[in-house]
Amino acid sequence: MNGIRRTVRGLIGSLVETAADAIRSIAPTEPAVEFAPDPADVYTADELPETEVIEAAAREYERAADQARRADRGKRAARKVLDRLPAGRYGAWIVERVTSSRETADLDAIRATYKRLGLGPVPMKRCAPSLKVERLAGEDAPQADLAAIAALAVTA
């Protein structure tokens, strides 16, 4: 009996693997990047800042984004300890939990209401597009020119 179970499990496992391979073969390997249109208030051709100013702004953006990612990783690591602590004083630190004044839509309740009233699926909209800045391979990477960024901020 035990041998039959192993044979059936092996057969099911190979069927699942074959189905997964078939799905992977027809599925795109990477999701297609969907570019968002430019916002309405982009610079006109006459307003474009100098290339050096744009490059300095892109370098500063990349540097700040990298710092933010490192800070987020540090916060996540610290929260692994802090989230499990009961509220209280720990040396020079007080750990407590406070309610937030922020509110968000309760999508489960909205879906239930839509279903109960026969309104179909809940209407959804896409999030705002994200700004993506990346350096081209092989291009020079000089230090950020903060004066150029400041000049851009003054003209904006």
N, C-alpha and C. Protein backbone atom coordinates (compact mmCIF):
# COMPACT_ATOMS: atom_id res chain seq x y z
N MET A 1 0.83 -1.20 0.00
CA MET A 1 0.00 0.00 0.00
C MET A 1 0.87 1.25 0.00
N ASN A 2 1.95 1.22 0.78
CA ASN A 2 2.84 2.37 0.87
C ASN A 2 3.49 2.66 -0.47
N GLY A 3 3.83 1.60 -1.22
CA GLY A 3 4.44 1.77 -2.53
C GLY A 3 3.49 2.42 -3.52
N ILE A 4 2.20 2.09 -3.42
CA ILE A 4 1.20 2.69 -4.31
C ILE A 4 1.08 4.18 -4.03
N ARG A 5 1.07 4.57 -2.73
CA ARG A 5 0.98 5.99 -2.38
C ARG A 5 2.15 6.76 -2.97
N ARG A 6 3.34 6.18 -2.86
CA ARG A 6 4.52 6.85 -3.41
C ARG A 6 4.41 6.98 -4.92
N THR A 7 3.89 5.97 -5.58
CA THR A 7 3.74 6.02 -7.04
C THR A 7 2.72 7.08 -7.42
N VAL A 8 1.60 7.14 -6.71
CA VAL A 8 0.57 8.15 -7.00
C VAL A 8 1.12 9.55 -6.73
N ARG A 9 1.80 9.70 -5.59
CA ARG A 9 2.39 11.02 -5.28
C ARG A 9 3.40 11.42 -6.34
N GLY A 10 4.22 10.46 -6.79
CA GLY A 10 5.20 10.77 -7.84
C GLY A 10 4.52 11.17 -9.13
N LEU A 11 3.43 10.46 -9.49
CA LEU A 11 2.69 10.78 -10.69
C LEU A 11 2.07 12.17 -10.59
N ILE A 12 1.45 12.46 -9.45
CA ILE A 12 0.84 13.79 -9.26
C ILE A 12 1.92 14.86 -9.30
N GLY A 13 3.05 14.59 -8.64
CA GLY A 13 4.14 15.56 -8.66
C GLY A 13 4.64 15.84 -10.06
N SER A 14 4.79 14.79 -10.88
CA SER A 14 5.28 15.01 -12.24
C SER A 14 4.23 15.72 -13.10
N LEU A 15 2.94 15.44 -12.86
CA LEU A 15 1.88 16.15 -13.58
C LEU A 15 1.89 17.65 -13.24
N VAL A 16 2.03 17.95 -11.94
CA VAL A 16 2.08 19.35 -11.52
C VAL A 16 3.30 20.04 -12.11
N GLU A 17 4.44 19.36 -12.11
CA GLU A 17 5.66 19.93 -12.67
C GLU A 17 5.51 20.19 -14.17
N THR A 18 4.90 19.24 -14.89
CA THR A 18 4.67 19.40 -16.32
C THR A 18 3.74 20.57 -16.59
N ALA A 19 2.68 20.69 -15.80
CA ALA A 19 1.74 21.81 -15.97
C ALA A 19 2.44 23.13 -15.69
N ALA A 20 3.26 23.18 -14.64
CA ALA A 20 3.99 24.40 -14.31
C ALA A 20 4.95 24.78 -15.43
N ASP A 21 5.65 23.79 -16.00
CA ASP A 21 6.55 24.05 -17.13
C ASP A 21 5.78 24.61 -18.33
N ALA A 22 4.60 24.05 -18.60
CA ALA A 22 3.79 24.53 -19.72
C ALA A 22 3.35 25.96 -19.50
N ILE A 23 2.95 26.28 -18.28
CA ILE A 23 2.52 27.65 -17.98
C ILE A 23 3.70 28.60 -18.11
N ARG A 24 4.88 28.21 -17.59
CA ARG A 24 6.05 29.07 -17.68
C ARG A 24 6.45 29.29 -19.13
N SER A 25 6.25 28.29 -19.99
CA SER A 25 6.67 28.43 -21.38
C SER A 25 5.80 29.42 -22.15
N ILE A 26 4.55 29.59 -21.75
CA ILE A 26 3.68 30.53 -22.46
C ILE A 26 3.59 31.88 -21.75
N ALA A 27 3.98 31.93 -20.49
CA ALA A 27 3.92 33.18 -19.74
C ALA A 27 5.13 34.03 -20.08
N PRO A 28 4.96 35.35 -20.16
CA PRO A 28 6.12 36.21 -20.41
C PRO A 28 7.11 36.10 -19.25
N THR A 29 8.41 36.14 -19.56
CA THR A 29 9.42 35.99 -18.52
C THR A 29 9.48 37.21 -17.61
N GLU A 30 9.28 38.39 -18.16
CA GLU A 30 9.26 39.60 -17.35
C GLU A 30 8.01 40.40 -17.72
N PRO A 31 7.37 40.99 -16.72
CA PRO A 31 6.21 41.82 -17.07
C PRO A 31 6.66 43.00 -17.93
N ALA A 32 5.84 43.33 -18.90
CA ALA A 32 6.17 44.44 -19.77
C ALA A 32 6.12 45.74 -18.98
N VAL A 33 7.11 46.59 -19.22
CA VAL A 33 7.15 47.88 -18.54
C VAL A 33 6.15 48.79 -19.23
N GLU A 34 5.27 49.36 -18.45
CA GLU A 34 4.27 50.26 -18.99
C GLU A 34 4.67 51.69 -18.62
N PHE A 35 5.04 52.47 -19.61
CA PHE A 35 5.47 53.83 -19.36
C PHE A 35 4.26 54.74 -19.21
N ALA A 36 4.31 55.62 -18.23
CA ALA A 36 3.24 56.57 -17.99
C ALA A 36 3.52 57.83 -18.81
N PRO A 37 2.49 58.55 -19.19
CA PRO A 37 2.72 59.80 -19.92
C PRO A 37 3.36 60.85 -19.00
N ASP A 38 4.05 61.80 -19.61
CA ASP A 38 4.63 62.89 -18.83
C ASP A 38 3.52 63.70 -18.17
N PRO A 39 3.80 64.27 -16.98
CA PRO A 39 2.80 65.14 -16.35
C PRO A 39 2.60 66.41 -17.19
N ALA A 40 1.55 67.12 -16.90
CA ALA A 40 1.19 68.30 -17.70
C ALA A 40 2.18 69.45 -17.54
N ASP A 41 2.90 69.51 -16.41
CA ASP A 41 3.74 70.67 -16.15
C ASP A 41 5.22 70.44 -16.44
N VAL A 42 5.56 69.57 -17.42
CA VAL A 42 6.98 69.37 -17.76
C VAL A 42 7.52 70.62 -18.43
N TYR A 43 8.86 70.76 -18.38
CA TYR A 43 9.51 71.91 -19.02
C TYR A 43 9.21 71.93 -20.52
N THR A 44 9.05 73.12 -21.05
CA THR A 44 8.99 73.27 -22.50
C THR A 44 10.43 73.26 -23.02
N ALA A 45 10.62 73.21 -24.33
CA ALA A 45 11.97 73.18 -24.91
C ALA A 45 12.76 74.43 -24.50
N ASP A 46 12.08 75.56 -24.38
CA ASP A 46 12.77 76.81 -23.99
C ASP A 46 13.14 76.85 -22.51
N GLU A 47 12.43 76.09 -21.68
CA GLU A 47 12.64 76.14 -20.24
C GLU A 47 13.64 75.10 -19.73
N LEU A 48 14.03 74.14 -20.58
CA LEU A 48 14.89 73.05 -20.12
C LEU A 48 16.17 73.59 -19.49
N PRO A 49 16.53 73.10 -18.30
CA PRO A 49 17.80 73.50 -17.69
C PRO A 49 18.98 72.89 -18.44
N GLU A 50 20.17 73.37 -18.15
CA GLU A 50 21.38 72.84 -18.77
C GLU A 50 21.54 71.36 -18.42
N THR A 51 22.21 70.62 -19.29
CA THR A 51 22.43 69.19 -19.08
C THR A 51 23.14 68.93 -17.76
N GLU A 52 24.11 69.79 -17.40
CA GLU A 52 24.86 69.61 -16.15
C GLU A 52 23.93 69.69 -14.94
N VAL A 53 22.95 70.59 -15.01
CA VAL A 53 21.99 70.73 -13.91
C VAL A 53 21.12 69.48 -13.80
N ILE A 54 20.69 68.97 -14.94
CA ILE A 54 19.86 67.76 -14.95
C ILE A 54 20.66 66.57 -14.43
N GLU A 55 21.92 66.43 -14.87
CA GLU A 55 22.77 65.34 -14.41
C GLU A 55 23.00 65.43 -12.90
N ALA A 56 23.23 66.64 -12.41
CA ALA A 56 23.44 66.82 -10.97
C ALA A 56 22.19 66.45 -10.18
N ALA A 57 21.03 66.83 -10.70
CA ALA A 57 19.77 66.49 -10.03
C ALA A 57 19.55 64.98 -10.03
N ALA A 58 19.87 64.31 -11.14
CA ALA A 58 19.71 62.86 -11.22
C ALA A 58 20.66 62.16 -10.25
N ARG A 59 21.91 62.65 -10.16
CA ARG A 59 22.86 62.06 -9.20
C ARG A 59 22.37 62.23 -7.78
N GLU A 60 21.88 63.42 -7.46
CA GLU A 60 21.38 63.69 -6.10
C GLU A 60 20.17 62.82 -5.80
N TYR A 61 19.29 62.65 -6.77
CA TYR A 61 18.10 61.81 -6.59
C TYR A 61 18.52 60.37 -6.32
N GLU A 62 19.47 59.86 -7.12
CA GLU A 62 19.95 58.49 -6.94
C GLU A 62 20.59 58.32 -5.56
N ARG A 63 21.40 59.30 -5.14
CA ARG A 63 22.06 59.23 -3.83
C ARG A 63 21.02 59.23 -2.71
N ALA A 64 20.04 60.12 -2.80
CA ALA A 64 19.01 60.21 -1.76
C ALA A 64 18.14 58.95 -1.73
N ALA A 65 17.82 58.40 -2.91
CA ALA A 65 17.02 57.18 -2.97
C ALA A 65 17.78 56.01 -2.35
N ASP A 66 19.09 55.94 -2.59
CA ASP A 66 19.91 54.89 -2.00
C ASP A 66 19.95 55.02 -0.48
N GLN A 67 20.09 56.25 0.01
CA GLN A 67 20.07 56.48 1.46
C GLN A 67 18.72 56.06 2.05
N ALA A 68 17.64 56.37 1.35
CA ALA A 68 16.31 56.02 1.85
C ALA A 68 16.14 54.50 1.92
N ARG A 69 16.65 53.79 0.90
CA ARG A 69 16.56 52.32 0.92
C ARG A 69 17.36 51.75 2.08
N ARG A 70 18.57 52.30 2.32
CA ARG A 70 19.38 51.83 3.45
C ARG A 70 18.68 52.12 4.77
N ALA A 71 18.08 53.29 4.88
CA ALA A 71 17.35 53.65 6.10
C ALA A 71 16.17 52.71 6.32
N ASP A 72 15.44 52.38 5.25
CA ASP A 72 14.30 51.46 5.37
C ASP A 72 14.76 50.08 5.83
N ARG A 73 15.90 49.60 5.29
CA ARG A 73 16.41 48.30 5.72
C ARG A 73 16.79 48.35 7.20
N GLY A 74 17.41 49.44 7.65
CA GLY A 74 17.77 49.59 9.06
C GLY A 74 16.55 49.63 9.96
N LYS A 75 15.51 50.34 9.52
CA LYS A 75 14.27 50.39 10.31
C LYS A 75 13.63 49.02 10.42
N ARG A 76 13.61 48.28 9.29
CA ARG A 76 13.01 46.94 9.33
C ARG A 76 13.77 46.03 10.28
N ALA A 77 15.09 46.11 10.28
CA ALA A 77 15.89 45.27 11.18
C ALA A 77 15.62 45.64 12.64
N ALA A 78 15.54 46.93 12.94
CA ALA A 78 15.28 47.35 14.32
C ALA A 78 13.86 46.97 14.75
N ARG A 79 12.92 47.05 13.84
CA ARG A 79 11.53 46.72 14.20
C ARG A 79 11.34 45.26 14.53
N LYS A 80 12.22 44.38 14.01
CA LYS A 80 12.11 42.96 14.36
C LYS A 80 12.23 42.78 15.86
N VAL A 81 13.03 43.61 16.51
CA VAL A 81 13.17 43.55 17.97
C VAL A 81 12.08 44.38 18.63
N LEU A 82 11.94 45.62 18.18
CA LEU A 82 11.05 46.56 18.86
C LEU A 82 9.57 46.17 18.78
N ASP A 83 9.14 45.61 17.67
CA ASP A 83 7.73 45.24 17.52
C ASP A 83 7.30 44.17 18.51
N ARG A 84 8.24 43.36 18.99
CA ARG A 84 7.89 42.28 19.90
C ARG A 84 7.97 42.69 21.36
N LEU A 85 8.44 43.92 21.63
CA LEU A 85 8.55 44.37 23.02
C LEU A 85 7.20 44.82 23.56
N PRO A 86 6.92 44.51 24.82
CA PRO A 86 5.74 45.12 25.43
C PRO A 86 6.03 46.60 25.68
N ALA A 87 5.00 47.41 25.73
CA ALA A 87 5.18 48.83 25.98
C ALA A 87 5.88 49.01 27.32
N GLY A 88 6.78 49.98 27.38
CA GLY A 88 7.48 50.24 28.63
C GLY A 88 8.75 51.03 28.41
N ARG A 89 9.47 51.22 29.51
CA ARG A 89 10.73 51.97 29.47
C ARG A 89 11.88 50.96 29.41
N TYR A 90 12.80 51.22 28.51
CA TYR A 90 13.98 50.38 28.33
C TYR A 90 15.20 51.30 28.33
N GLY A 91 15.83 51.44 29.48
CA GLY A 91 16.96 52.36 29.60
C GLY A 91 16.48 53.78 29.35
N ALA A 92 17.10 54.44 28.40
CA ALA A 92 16.73 55.81 28.08
C ALA A 92 15.62 55.89 27.03
N TRP A 93 15.01 54.77 26.68
CA TRP A 93 14.01 54.74 25.62
C TRP A 93 12.66 54.30 26.16
N ILE A 94 11.61 54.93 25.65
CA ILE A 94 10.24 54.51 25.96
C ILE A 94 9.66 53.91 24.69
N VAL A 95 9.13 52.72 24.80
CA VAL A 95 8.51 52.03 23.66
C VAL A 95 7.01 51.98 23.95
N GLU A 96 6.22 52.53 23.02
CA GLU A 96 4.77 52.51 23.19
C GLU A 96 4.11 52.46 21.82
N ARG A 97 2.86 52.17 21.82
CA ARG A 97 2.08 52.15 20.58
C ARG A 97 0.96 53.16 20.70
N VAL A 98 0.81 53.97 19.67
CA VAL A 98 -0.24 54.99 19.68
C VAL A 98 -1.09 54.79 18.43
N THR A 99 -2.36 55.12 18.54
CA THR A 99 -3.25 54.97 17.38
C THR A 99 -2.94 56.07 16.37
N SER A 100 -3.17 55.75 15.13
CA SER A 100 -2.91 56.70 14.05
C SER A 100 -4.17 57.48 13.73
N SER A 101 -3.99 58.72 13.33
CA SER A 101 -5.14 59.53 12.92
C SER A 101 -5.43 59.33 11.43
N ARG A 102 -4.54 58.62 10.73
CA ARG A 102 -4.75 58.37 9.30
C ARG A 102 -5.85 57.33 9.12
N GLU A 103 -6.60 57.47 8.04
CA GLU A 103 -7.65 56.51 7.72
C GLU A 103 -7.45 56.01 6.30
N THR A 104 -7.91 54.81 6.05
CA THR A 104 -7.86 54.25 4.72
C THR A 104 -9.18 53.51 4.46
N ALA A 105 -9.52 53.38 3.21
CA ALA A 105 -10.77 52.70 2.86
C ALA A 105 -10.70 51.23 3.26
N ASP A 106 -11.79 50.71 3.79
CA ASP A 106 -11.89 49.30 4.16
C ASP A 106 -12.39 48.55 2.93
N LEU A 107 -11.44 48.05 2.12
CA LEU A 107 -11.81 47.43 0.85
C LEU A 107 -12.66 46.18 1.04
N ASP A 108 -12.44 45.43 2.11
CA ASP A 108 -13.28 44.24 2.34
C ASP A 108 -14.74 44.64 2.55
N ALA A 109 -14.97 45.69 3.33
CA ALA A 109 -16.34 46.16 3.57
C ALA A 109 -16.95 46.73 2.29
N ILE A 110 -16.14 47.45 1.51
CA ILE A 110 -16.64 48.02 0.26
C ILE A 110 -17.01 46.90 -0.72
N ARG A 111 -16.14 45.88 -0.82
CA ARG A 111 -16.45 44.75 -1.72
C ARG A 111 -17.74 44.05 -1.27
N ALA A 112 -17.90 43.86 0.03
CA ALA A 112 -19.10 43.20 0.54
C ALA A 112 -20.34 44.04 0.22
N THR A 113 -20.24 45.36 0.36
CA THR A 113 -21.37 46.24 0.05
C THR A 113 -21.70 46.18 -1.43
N TYR A 114 -20.67 46.26 -2.29
CA TYR A 114 -20.89 46.17 -3.73
C TYR A 114 -21.56 44.85 -4.08
N LYS A 115 -21.09 43.76 -3.48
CA LYS A 115 -21.66 42.44 -3.77
C LYS A 115 -23.11 42.38 -3.31
N ARG A 116 -23.37 42.87 -2.08
CA ARG A 116 -24.72 42.83 -1.53
C ARG A 116 -25.70 43.64 -2.40
N LEU A 117 -25.23 44.77 -2.95
CA LEU A 117 -26.09 45.62 -3.77
C LEU A 117 -26.05 45.26 -5.26
N GLY A 118 -25.23 44.25 -5.61
CA GLY A 118 -25.16 43.83 -7.01
C GLY A 118 -24.53 44.86 -7.93
N LEU A 119 -23.56 45.59 -7.43
CA LEU A 119 -22.94 46.66 -8.21
C LEU A 119 -21.74 46.22 -9.03
N GLY A 120 -21.39 44.94 -8.99
CA GLY A 120 -20.24 44.45 -9.74
C GLY A 120 -18.94 44.68 -8.97
N PRO A 121 -17.82 44.65 -9.70
CA PRO A 121 -16.54 44.82 -9.01
C PRO A 121 -16.34 46.27 -8.55
N VAL A 122 -15.54 46.43 -7.51
CA VAL A 122 -15.22 47.77 -7.00
C VAL A 122 -14.35 48.47 -8.02
N PRO A 123 -14.70 49.70 -8.41
CA PRO A 123 -13.86 50.42 -9.38
C PRO A 123 -12.49 50.72 -8.76
N MET A 124 -11.45 50.50 -9.53
CA MET A 124 -10.09 50.73 -9.06
C MET A 124 -9.41 51.68 -10.04
N LYS A 125 -8.38 52.36 -9.56
CA LYS A 125 -7.57 53.19 -10.45
C LYS A 125 -6.11 52.93 -10.12
N ARG A 126 -5.27 53.21 -11.08
CA ARG A 126 -3.84 52.99 -10.91
C ARG A 126 -3.26 54.05 -9.96
N CYS A 127 -2.19 53.67 -9.30
CA CYS A 127 -1.47 54.62 -8.45
C CYS A 127 -0.73 55.61 -9.34
N ALA A 128 -0.30 56.70 -8.75
CA ALA A 128 0.47 57.71 -9.49
C ALA A 128 1.76 57.07 -10.00
N PRO A 129 2.22 57.48 -11.18
CA PRO A 129 3.45 56.90 -11.71
C PRO A 129 4.63 57.25 -10.82
N SER A 130 5.61 56.35 -10.79
CA SER A 130 6.82 56.56 -10.00
C SER A 130 7.92 57.12 -10.90
N LEU A 131 8.70 58.03 -10.35
CA LEU A 131 9.85 58.57 -11.07
C LEU A 131 10.98 57.56 -10.98
N LYS A 132 11.56 57.21 -12.11
CA LYS A 132 12.67 56.26 -12.14
C LYS A 132 13.85 56.95 -12.80
N VAL A 133 14.99 56.96 -12.12
CA VAL A 133 16.20 57.58 -12.63
C VAL A 133 17.30 56.54 -12.58
N GLU A 134 17.99 56.32 -13.71
CA GLU A 134 19.10 55.37 -13.70
C GLU A 134 20.23 55.90 -14.57
N ARG A 135 21.46 55.59 -14.16
CA ARG A 135 22.65 56.04 -14.88
C ARG A 135 22.93 55.05 -16.00
N LEU A 136 23.29 55.57 -17.17
CA LEU A 136 23.65 54.71 -18.29
C LEU A 136 25.01 54.09 -18.02
N ALA A 137 25.18 52.85 -18.41
CA ALA A 137 26.45 52.15 -18.21
C ALA A 137 27.55 52.85 -19.00
N GLY A 138 28.70 52.98 -18.38
CA GLY A 138 29.85 53.57 -19.06
C GLY A 138 29.90 55.08 -19.01
N GLU A 139 28.89 55.73 -18.50
CA GLU A 139 28.90 57.19 -18.41
C GLU A 139 29.66 57.62 -17.17
N ASP A 140 30.27 58.78 -17.24
CA ASP A 140 31.00 59.32 -16.09
C ASP A 140 30.06 59.50 -14.92
N ALA A 141 30.59 59.34 -13.72
CA ALA A 141 29.80 59.50 -12.50
C ALA A 141 30.49 60.46 -11.55
N PRO A 142 30.61 61.76 -11.93
CA PRO A 142 31.26 62.70 -11.03
C PRO A 142 30.41 62.97 -9.80
N GLN A 143 31.00 63.61 -8.79
CA GLN A 143 30.26 63.94 -7.58
C GLN A 143 29.11 64.89 -7.90
N ALA A 144 28.04 64.79 -7.14
CA ALA A 144 26.87 65.64 -7.37
C ALA A 144 27.25 67.10 -7.23
N ASP A 145 26.80 67.90 -8.18
CA ASP A 145 27.09 69.33 -8.16
C ASP A 145 25.92 70.02 -7.48
N LEU A 146 26.05 70.24 -6.19
CA LEU A 146 24.94 70.82 -5.42
C LEU A 146 24.62 72.23 -5.86
N ALA A 147 25.61 72.96 -6.37
CA ALA A 147 25.35 74.32 -6.85
C ALA A 147 24.41 74.28 -8.05
N ALA A 148 24.61 73.29 -8.93
CA ALA A 148 23.74 73.16 -10.10
C ALA A 148 22.32 72.81 -9.68
N ILE A 149 22.18 71.95 -8.67
CA ILE A 149 20.86 71.60 -8.17
C ILE A 149 20.20 72.82 -7.53
N ALA A 150 20.97 73.59 -6.79
CA ALA A 150 20.43 74.80 -6.17
C ALA A 150 19.98 75.78 -7.25
N ALA A 151 20.74 75.88 -8.34
CA ALA A 151 20.35 76.76 -9.44
C ALA A 151 19.04 76.29 -10.05
N LEU A 152 18.87 74.99 -10.18
CA LEU A 152 17.63 74.45 -10.72
C LEU A 152 16.46 74.79 -9.80
N ALA A 153 16.67 74.65 -8.49
CA ALA A 153 15.61 74.95 -7.53
C ALA A 153 15.20 76.41 -7.58
N VAL A 154 16.15 77.30 -7.81
CA VAL A 154 15.86 78.73 -7.87
C VAL A 154 15.06 79.06 -9.11
N THR A 155 15.36 78.39 -10.24
CA THR A 155 14.65 78.69 -11.48
C THR A 155 13.28 78.02 -11.55
N ALA A 156 13.05 77.03 -10.71
CA ALA A 156 11.78 76.31 -10.77
C ALA A 156 10.66 77.08 -10.13
